[in-house]
Amino acid sequence: MPFFSNTEEVQKIMEALWNNIKANPEIAAPLLQSKLIVQFHYREPAGRLTVDCSDGVNMIIVWGEYDKKPTVEMFMKADVAHQFWLGKVNVPVYLISGKIVAKGPVNKALALLPAVKPAFVIYNDIFEDTLQRPLISA
């Protein structure tokens, strides 16, 4: 059974998380410096989130369709994204095993993993605040 009940839950959590990341200069600065457009494709339940840092100044977070071509695309189950934000995913291993499929210069996206690591500690609060239920690790 998927961790998220529906697409709306995935959207609420991921938008809240990425807006929090955007507001945190410690996390946002290296992402903006990358000038990447990263698009996350979720399944079970389905959804798509794009994080556009291409101008190096503003982080644009869009759920659903986006008119700019992503630099990197990441395809995964929503449960894998959940596990990632809990700090329980070894991304290179998941890429090798096919649990995460990436298109584009994956090495550039992997280089940003240390930058997003501080967001792991805020994921629980975002989850509970957004969905009004306690986080139970999947």
N, C-alpha and C. Protein backbone atom coordinates (compact mmCIF):
# COMPACT_ATOMS: atom_id res chain seq x y z
N MET A 1 0.84 -1.18 0.00
CA MET A 1 0.00 0.00 0.00
C MET A 1 0.89 1.25 0.00
N PRO A 2 0.64 2.20 -0.90
CA PRO A 2 1.45 3.41 -0.95
C PRO A 2 1.33 4.24 0.34
N PHE A 3 2.39 4.94 0.67
CA PHE A 3 2.39 5.78 1.86
C PHE A 3 1.41 6.94 1.72
N PHE A 4 1.40 7.58 0.56
CA PHE A 4 0.49 8.70 0.32
C PHE A 4 -0.85 8.16 -0.17
N SER A 5 -1.92 8.73 0.34
CA SER A 5 -3.27 8.28 -0.02
C SER A 5 -3.68 8.67 -1.44
N ASN A 6 -3.19 9.84 -1.89
CA ASN A 6 -3.61 10.34 -3.20
C ASN A 6 -2.63 11.39 -3.70
N THR A 7 -2.83 11.81 -4.92
CA THR A 7 -1.94 12.79 -5.55
C THR A 7 -1.94 14.11 -4.78
N GLU A 8 -3.10 14.51 -4.25
CA GLU A 8 -3.19 15.78 -3.52
C GLU A 8 -2.27 15.78 -2.31
N GLU A 9 -2.13 14.64 -1.62
CA GLU A 9 -1.22 14.57 -0.47
C GLU A 9 0.23 14.74 -0.92
N VAL A 10 0.60 14.08 -2.00
CA VAL A 10 1.97 14.23 -2.50
C VAL A 10 2.22 15.69 -2.86
N GLN A 11 1.27 16.30 -3.54
CA GLN A 11 1.42 17.69 -3.95
C GLN A 11 1.58 18.61 -2.73
N LYS A 12 0.71 18.47 -1.74
CA LYS A 12 0.78 19.32 -0.55
C LYS A 12 2.13 19.20 0.14
N ILE A 13 2.59 17.97 0.32
CA ILE A 13 3.85 17.75 1.04
C ILE A 13 5.03 18.29 0.24
N MET A 14 5.11 17.93 -1.03
CA MET A 14 6.28 18.32 -1.82
C MET A 14 6.32 19.83 -2.06
N GLU A 15 5.17 20.45 -2.28
CA GLU A 15 5.17 21.91 -2.43
C GLU A 15 5.57 22.58 -1.13
N ALA A 16 5.04 22.11 -0.01
CA ALA A 16 5.40 22.70 1.29
C ALA A 16 6.88 22.52 1.57
N LEU A 17 7.39 21.34 1.29
CA LEU A 17 8.81 21.06 1.53
C LEU A 17 9.69 21.97 0.67
N TRP A 18 9.39 22.02 -0.62
CA TRP A 18 10.23 22.83 -1.51
C TRP A 18 10.08 24.33 -1.25
N ASN A 19 8.93 24.78 -0.82
CA ASN A 19 8.80 26.19 -0.44
C ASN A 19 9.60 26.49 0.81
N ASN A 20 9.69 25.53 1.72
CA ASN A 20 10.53 25.69 2.90
C ASN A 20 12.00 25.72 2.50
N ILE A 21 12.39 24.84 1.59
CA ILE A 21 13.77 24.84 1.08
C ILE A 21 14.09 26.18 0.42
N LYS A 22 13.17 26.67 -0.38
CA LYS A 22 13.35 27.96 -1.07
C LYS A 22 13.57 29.09 -0.07
N ALA A 23 12.88 29.04 1.06
CA ALA A 23 12.97 30.10 2.07
C ALA A 23 14.21 29.98 2.95
N ASN A 24 14.94 28.88 2.84
CA ASN A 24 16.12 28.64 3.67
C ASN A 24 17.38 28.91 2.85
N PRO A 25 18.04 30.05 3.07
CA PRO A 25 19.20 30.41 2.24
C PRO A 25 20.32 29.35 2.27
N GLU A 26 20.50 28.68 3.38
CA GLU A 26 21.55 27.66 3.49
C GLU A 26 21.32 26.53 2.49
N ILE A 27 20.08 26.16 2.30
CA ILE A 27 19.76 25.07 1.38
C ILE A 27 19.58 25.61 -0.05
N ALA A 28 18.92 26.74 -0.17
CA ALA A 28 18.57 27.27 -1.50
C ALA A 28 19.79 27.76 -2.28
N ALA A 29 20.76 28.36 -1.62
CA ALA A 29 21.90 28.97 -2.33
C ALA A 29 22.63 28.00 -3.27
N PRO A 30 23.03 26.81 -2.79
CA PRO A 30 23.72 25.91 -3.72
C PRO A 30 22.82 25.40 -4.85
N LEU A 31 21.54 25.29 -4.58
CA LEU A 31 20.61 24.86 -5.63
C LEU A 31 20.51 25.94 -6.70
N LEU A 32 20.39 27.18 -6.27
CA LEU A 32 20.34 28.29 -7.23
C LEU A 32 21.64 28.39 -8.02
N GLN A 33 22.77 28.19 -7.36
CA GLN A 33 24.06 28.25 -8.04
C GLN A 33 24.19 27.18 -9.12
N SER A 34 23.49 26.07 -8.95
CA SER A 34 23.55 24.98 -9.93
C SER A 34 22.91 25.37 -11.25
N LYS A 35 21.92 26.27 -11.19
CA LYS A 35 21.15 26.71 -12.35
C LYS A 35 20.46 25.54 -13.07
N LEU A 36 20.14 24.49 -12.32
CA LEU A 36 19.47 23.33 -12.89
C LEU A 36 17.96 23.50 -12.85
N ILE A 37 17.30 22.82 -13.76
CA ILE A 37 15.86 22.62 -13.69
C ILE A 37 15.68 21.12 -13.48
N VAL A 38 15.19 20.75 -12.31
CA VAL A 38 15.01 19.35 -11.97
C VAL A 38 13.52 19.06 -11.89
N GLN A 39 13.13 18.02 -12.60
CA GLN A 39 11.71 17.64 -12.61
C GLN A 39 11.59 16.24 -12.00
N PHE A 40 10.70 16.15 -11.01
CA PHE A 40 10.46 14.89 -10.32
C PHE A 40 9.12 14.33 -10.81
N HIS A 41 9.16 13.11 -11.33
CA HIS A 41 7.97 12.42 -11.79
C HIS A 41 7.65 11.34 -10.76
N TYR A 42 6.50 11.46 -10.13
CA TYR A 42 6.08 10.50 -9.11
C TYR A 42 5.02 9.57 -9.67
N ARG A 43 4.99 8.37 -9.13
CA ARG A 43 3.92 7.42 -9.45
C ARG A 43 3.48 6.74 -8.16
N GLU A 44 2.27 6.26 -8.18
CA GLU A 44 1.66 5.52 -7.05
C GLU A 44 1.67 6.34 -5.76
N PRO A 45 1.00 7.46 -5.71
CA PRO A 45 0.18 8.15 -6.70
C PRO A 45 1.02 9.04 -7.63
N ALA A 46 0.42 9.37 -8.75
CA ALA A 46 1.10 10.11 -9.80
C ALA A 46 1.17 11.60 -9.49
N GLY A 47 2.21 12.23 -9.99
CA GLY A 47 2.37 13.67 -9.86
C GLY A 47 3.69 14.10 -10.45
N ARG A 48 3.83 15.40 -10.65
CA ARG A 48 5.08 15.93 -11.20
C ARG A 48 5.38 17.27 -10.55
N LEU A 49 6.61 17.42 -10.11
CA LEU A 49 7.06 18.67 -9.49
C LEU A 49 8.33 19.12 -10.19
N THR A 50 8.39 20.40 -10.54
CA THR A 50 9.58 20.96 -11.16
C THR A 50 10.15 22.02 -10.24
N VAL A 51 11.48 21.96 -10.07
CA VAL A 51 12.21 22.97 -9.31
C VAL A 51 13.16 23.63 -10.31
N ASP A 52 12.87 24.89 -10.61
CA ASP A 52 13.61 25.63 -11.63
C ASP A 52 14.52 26.66 -10.96
N CYS A 53 15.81 26.41 -11.04
CA CYS A 53 16.82 27.34 -10.50
C CYS A 53 17.65 27.94 -11.63
N SER A 54 17.12 27.91 -12.84
CA SER A 54 17.89 28.23 -14.04
C SER A 54 18.42 29.66 -14.11
N ASP A 55 17.75 30.61 -13.45
CA ASP A 55 18.26 31.98 -13.54
C ASP A 55 19.27 32.28 -12.43
N GLY A 56 19.46 31.34 -11.52
CA GLY A 56 20.45 31.50 -10.45
C GLY A 56 20.03 32.47 -9.36
N VAL A 57 18.83 33.04 -9.47
CA VAL A 57 18.36 34.05 -8.51
C VAL A 57 17.09 33.60 -7.81
N ASN A 58 16.12 33.14 -8.59
CA ASN A 58 14.82 32.75 -8.05
C ASN A 58 14.59 31.26 -8.25
N MET A 59 14.08 30.62 -7.22
CA MET A 59 13.69 29.22 -7.32
C MET A 59 12.19 29.19 -7.62
N ILE A 60 11.85 28.56 -8.73
CA ILE A 60 10.45 28.44 -9.13
C ILE A 60 10.04 27.00 -8.89
N ILE A 61 8.94 26.83 -8.17
CA ILE A 61 8.43 25.50 -7.83
C ILE A 61 7.06 25.36 -8.47
N VAL A 62 6.92 24.35 -9.34
CA VAL A 62 5.67 24.19 -10.08
C VAL A 62 5.21 22.74 -9.99
N TRP A 63 3.97 22.56 -9.62
CA TRP A 63 3.35 21.23 -9.63
C TRP A 63 2.62 21.08 -10.96
N GLY A 64 2.79 19.95 -11.62
CA GLY A 64 2.10 19.69 -12.88
C GLY A 64 2.93 20.09 -14.07
N GLU A 65 2.26 20.52 -15.13
CA GLU A 65 2.94 20.89 -16.38
C GLU A 65 3.84 22.10 -16.16
N TYR A 66 4.97 22.11 -16.88
CA TYR A 66 5.89 23.24 -16.83
C TYR A 66 6.44 23.45 -18.22
N ASP A 67 6.55 24.72 -18.64
CA ASP A 67 6.90 24.99 -20.03
C ASP A 67 8.38 24.95 -20.35
N LYS A 68 9.26 24.92 -19.36
CA LYS A 68 10.70 24.85 -19.62
C LYS A 68 11.17 23.39 -19.60
N LYS A 69 12.13 23.10 -20.45
CA LYS A 69 12.69 21.75 -20.52
C LYS A 69 13.59 21.51 -19.31
N PRO A 70 13.36 20.42 -18.57
CA PRO A 70 14.21 20.16 -17.41
C PRO A 70 15.63 19.74 -17.81
N THR A 71 16.58 20.08 -16.96
CA THR A 71 17.96 19.65 -17.15
C THR A 71 18.09 18.18 -16.75
N VAL A 72 17.45 17.86 -15.62
CA VAL A 72 17.48 16.50 -15.07
C VAL A 72 16.05 16.10 -14.74
N GLU A 73 15.71 14.86 -15.06
CA GLU A 73 14.41 14.31 -14.69
C GLU A 73 14.64 13.09 -13.82
N MET A 74 13.86 13.00 -12.75
CA MET A 74 13.95 11.87 -11.83
C MET A 74 12.57 11.20 -11.77
N PHE A 75 12.55 9.91 -11.99
CA PHE A 75 11.32 9.13 -11.99
C PHE A 75 11.36 8.15 -10.83
N MET A 76 10.30 8.15 -10.00
CA MET A 76 10.27 7.26 -8.83
C MET A 76 8.85 7.14 -8.28
N LYS A 77 8.66 6.12 -7.47
CA LYS A 77 7.41 6.03 -6.71
C LYS A 77 7.40 7.14 -5.68
N ALA A 78 6.23 7.63 -5.35
CA ALA A 78 6.11 8.65 -4.31
C ALA A 78 6.68 8.14 -2.98
N ASP A 79 6.54 6.83 -2.73
CA ASP A 79 7.10 6.24 -1.51
C ASP A 79 8.63 6.37 -1.47
N VAL A 80 9.28 6.29 -2.62
CA VAL A 80 10.73 6.45 -2.67
C VAL A 80 11.10 7.89 -2.30
N ALA A 81 10.33 8.86 -2.79
CA ALA A 81 10.57 10.26 -2.43
C ALA A 81 10.40 10.44 -0.93
N HIS A 82 9.37 9.84 -0.38
CA HIS A 82 9.13 9.90 1.07
C HIS A 82 10.33 9.33 1.83
N GLN A 83 10.79 8.16 1.43
CA GLN A 83 11.95 7.54 2.08
C GLN A 83 13.20 8.41 1.93
N PHE A 84 13.35 9.05 0.77
CA PHE A 84 14.49 9.94 0.56
C PHE A 84 14.50 11.06 1.59
N TRP A 85 13.35 11.72 1.77
CA TRP A 85 13.29 12.85 2.69
C TRP A 85 13.39 12.41 4.14
N LEU A 86 13.20 11.14 4.40
CA LEU A 86 13.46 10.60 5.74
C LEU A 86 14.94 10.28 5.92
N GLY A 87 15.73 10.41 4.86
CA GLY A 87 17.15 10.12 4.92
C GLY A 87 17.48 8.64 4.80
N LYS A 88 16.55 7.87 4.25
CA LYS A 88 16.72 6.42 4.20
C LYS A 88 17.05 5.88 2.81
N VAL A 89 17.38 6.75 1.86
CA VAL A 89 17.65 6.31 0.50
C VAL A 89 19.10 6.59 0.14
N ASN A 90 19.79 5.56 -0.31
CA ASN A 90 21.11 5.73 -0.89
C ASN A 90 20.87 5.93 -2.39
N VAL A 91 20.92 7.16 -2.84
CA VAL A 91 20.51 7.49 -4.20
C VAL A 91 21.31 6.71 -5.26
N PRO A 92 22.64 6.63 -5.17
CA PRO A 92 23.35 5.85 -6.19
C PRO A 92 22.88 4.39 -6.26
N VAL A 93 22.62 3.77 -5.11
CA VAL A 93 22.14 2.38 -5.09
C VAL A 93 20.75 2.30 -5.71
N TYR A 94 19.88 3.26 -5.40
CA TYR A 94 18.54 3.26 -5.97
C TYR A 94 18.58 3.50 -7.48
N LEU A 95 19.53 4.30 -7.94
CA LEU A 95 19.69 4.51 -9.38
C LEU A 95 20.13 3.21 -10.06
N ILE A 96 21.09 2.53 -9.47
CA ILE A 96 21.60 1.28 -10.04
C ILE A 96 20.50 0.22 -10.06
N SER A 97 19.70 0.18 -8.99
CA SER A 97 18.66 -0.85 -8.89
C SER A 97 17.41 -0.52 -9.70
N GLY A 98 17.31 0.70 -10.21
CA GLY A 98 16.15 1.10 -11.00
C GLY A 98 14.99 1.63 -10.18
N LYS A 99 15.15 1.74 -8.85
CA LYS A 99 14.08 2.31 -8.03
C LYS A 99 13.92 3.80 -8.30
N ILE A 100 15.02 4.42 -8.75
CA ILE A 100 14.99 5.79 -9.26
C ILE A 100 15.59 5.72 -10.67
N VAL A 101 14.90 6.33 -11.62
CA VAL A 101 15.41 6.41 -12.98
C VAL A 101 15.65 7.88 -13.27
N ALA A 102 16.83 8.17 -13.80
CA ALA A 102 17.19 9.57 -14.05
C ALA A 102 17.53 9.77 -15.52
N LYS A 103 17.18 10.95 -16.02
CA LYS A 103 17.54 11.37 -17.37
C LYS A 103 18.25 12.71 -17.26
N GLY A 104 19.32 12.85 -18.02
CA GLY A 104 20.09 14.09 -18.00
C GLY A 104 21.37 13.90 -17.23
N PRO A 105 22.09 15.00 -16.98
CA PRO A 105 23.37 14.92 -16.28
C PRO A 105 23.18 14.64 -14.78
N VAL A 106 22.99 13.37 -14.47
CA VAL A 106 22.67 12.95 -13.11
C VAL A 106 23.77 13.36 -12.13
N ASN A 107 25.02 13.37 -12.58
CA ASN A 107 26.12 13.75 -11.69
C ASN A 107 25.94 15.16 -11.13
N LYS A 108 25.36 16.05 -11.91
CA LYS A 108 25.10 17.41 -11.42
C LYS A 108 24.05 17.40 -10.31
N ALA A 109 23.03 16.59 -10.48
CA ALA A 109 21.99 16.48 -9.45
C ALA A 109 22.54 15.80 -8.20
N LEU A 110 23.35 14.75 -8.38
CA LEU A 110 23.93 14.05 -7.23
C LEU A 110 24.85 14.96 -6.43
N ALA A 111 25.51 15.89 -7.10
CA ALA A 111 26.40 16.83 -6.41
C ALA A 111 25.63 17.72 -5.44
N LEU A 112 24.31 17.84 -5.63
CA LEU A 112 23.50 18.70 -4.77
C LEU A 112 22.93 17.96 -3.55
N LEU A 113 23.14 16.67 -3.46
CA LEU A 113 22.60 15.91 -2.31
C LEU A 113 23.05 16.48 -0.97
N PRO A 114 24.32 16.82 -0.79
CA PRO A 114 24.71 17.40 0.50
C PRO A 114 23.97 18.71 0.81
N ALA A 115 23.63 19.46 -0.21
CA ALA A 115 22.94 20.74 -0.02
C ALA A 115 21.52 20.54 0.51
N VAL A 116 20.84 19.47 0.07
CA VAL A 116 19.45 19.26 0.51
C VAL A 116 19.36 18.45 1.80
N LYS A 117 20.46 17.89 2.24
CA LYS A 117 20.44 17.06 3.45
C LYS A 117 19.84 17.78 4.67
N PRO A 118 20.11 19.08 4.88
CA PRO A 118 19.49 19.76 6.02
C PRO A 118 17.95 19.73 5.99
N ALA A 119 17.36 19.55 4.81
CA ALA A 119 15.89 19.50 4.71
C ALA A 119 15.33 18.21 5.28
N PHE A 120 16.16 17.20 5.46
CA PHE A 120 15.69 15.94 6.04
C PHE A 120 15.07 16.17 7.41
N VAL A 121 15.68 17.03 8.20
CA VAL A 121 15.21 17.24 9.57
C VAL A 121 13.90 18.02 9.63
N ILE A 122 13.56 18.74 8.57
CA ILE A 122 12.31 19.50 8.58
C ILE A 122 11.16 18.73 7.95
N TYR A 123 11.46 17.62 7.28
CA TYR A 123 10.42 16.87 6.57
C TYR A 123 9.31 16.41 7.52
N ASN A 124 9.67 15.90 8.68
CA ASN A 124 8.67 15.41 9.63
C ASN A 124 7.69 16.53 10.02
N ASP A 125 8.21 17.70 10.36
CA ASP A 125 7.35 18.82 10.75
C ASP A 125 6.45 19.25 9.59
N ILE A 126 7.02 19.29 8.40
CA ILE A 126 6.24 19.69 7.23
C ILE A 126 5.11 18.69 7.00
N PHE A 127 5.44 17.42 7.12
CA PHE A 127 4.43 16.38 6.92
C PHE A 127 3.30 16.56 7.93
N GLU A 128 3.65 16.65 9.21
CA GLU A 128 2.62 16.75 10.25
C GLU A 128 1.83 18.05 10.13
N ASP A 129 2.51 19.15 9.85
CA ASP A 129 1.81 20.44 9.72
C ASP A 129 0.89 20.47 8.49
N THR A 130 1.32 19.84 7.42
CA THR A 130 0.57 19.90 6.17
C THR A 130 -0.60 18.95 6.13
N LEU A 131 -0.39 17.71 6.57
CA LEU A 131 -1.45 16.71 6.49
C LEU A 131 -2.19 16.51 7.81
N GLN A 132 -1.72 17.19 8.85
CA GLN A 132 -2.37 17.11 10.17
C GLN A 132 -2.49 15.66 10.67
N ARG A 133 -1.44 14.89 10.43
CA ARG A 133 -1.37 13.54 11.00
C ARG A 133 0.09 13.22 11.27
N PRO A 134 0.35 12.37 12.24
CA PRO A 134 1.75 12.08 12.56
C PRO A 134 2.42 11.30 11.44
N LEU A 135 3.70 11.55 11.29
CA LEU A 135 4.49 10.84 10.30
C LEU A 135 4.81 9.46 10.85
N ILE A 136 4.48 8.46 10.09
CA ILE A 136 4.84 7.10 10.43
C ILE A 136 5.71 6.62 9.29
N SER A 137 6.95 6.31 9.57
CA SER A 137 7.89 5.90 8.53
C SER A 137 7.37 4.67 7.81
N ALA A 138 7.46 4.74 6.49
CA ALA A 138 7.06 3.60 5.66
C ALA A 138 8.15 2.56 5.65
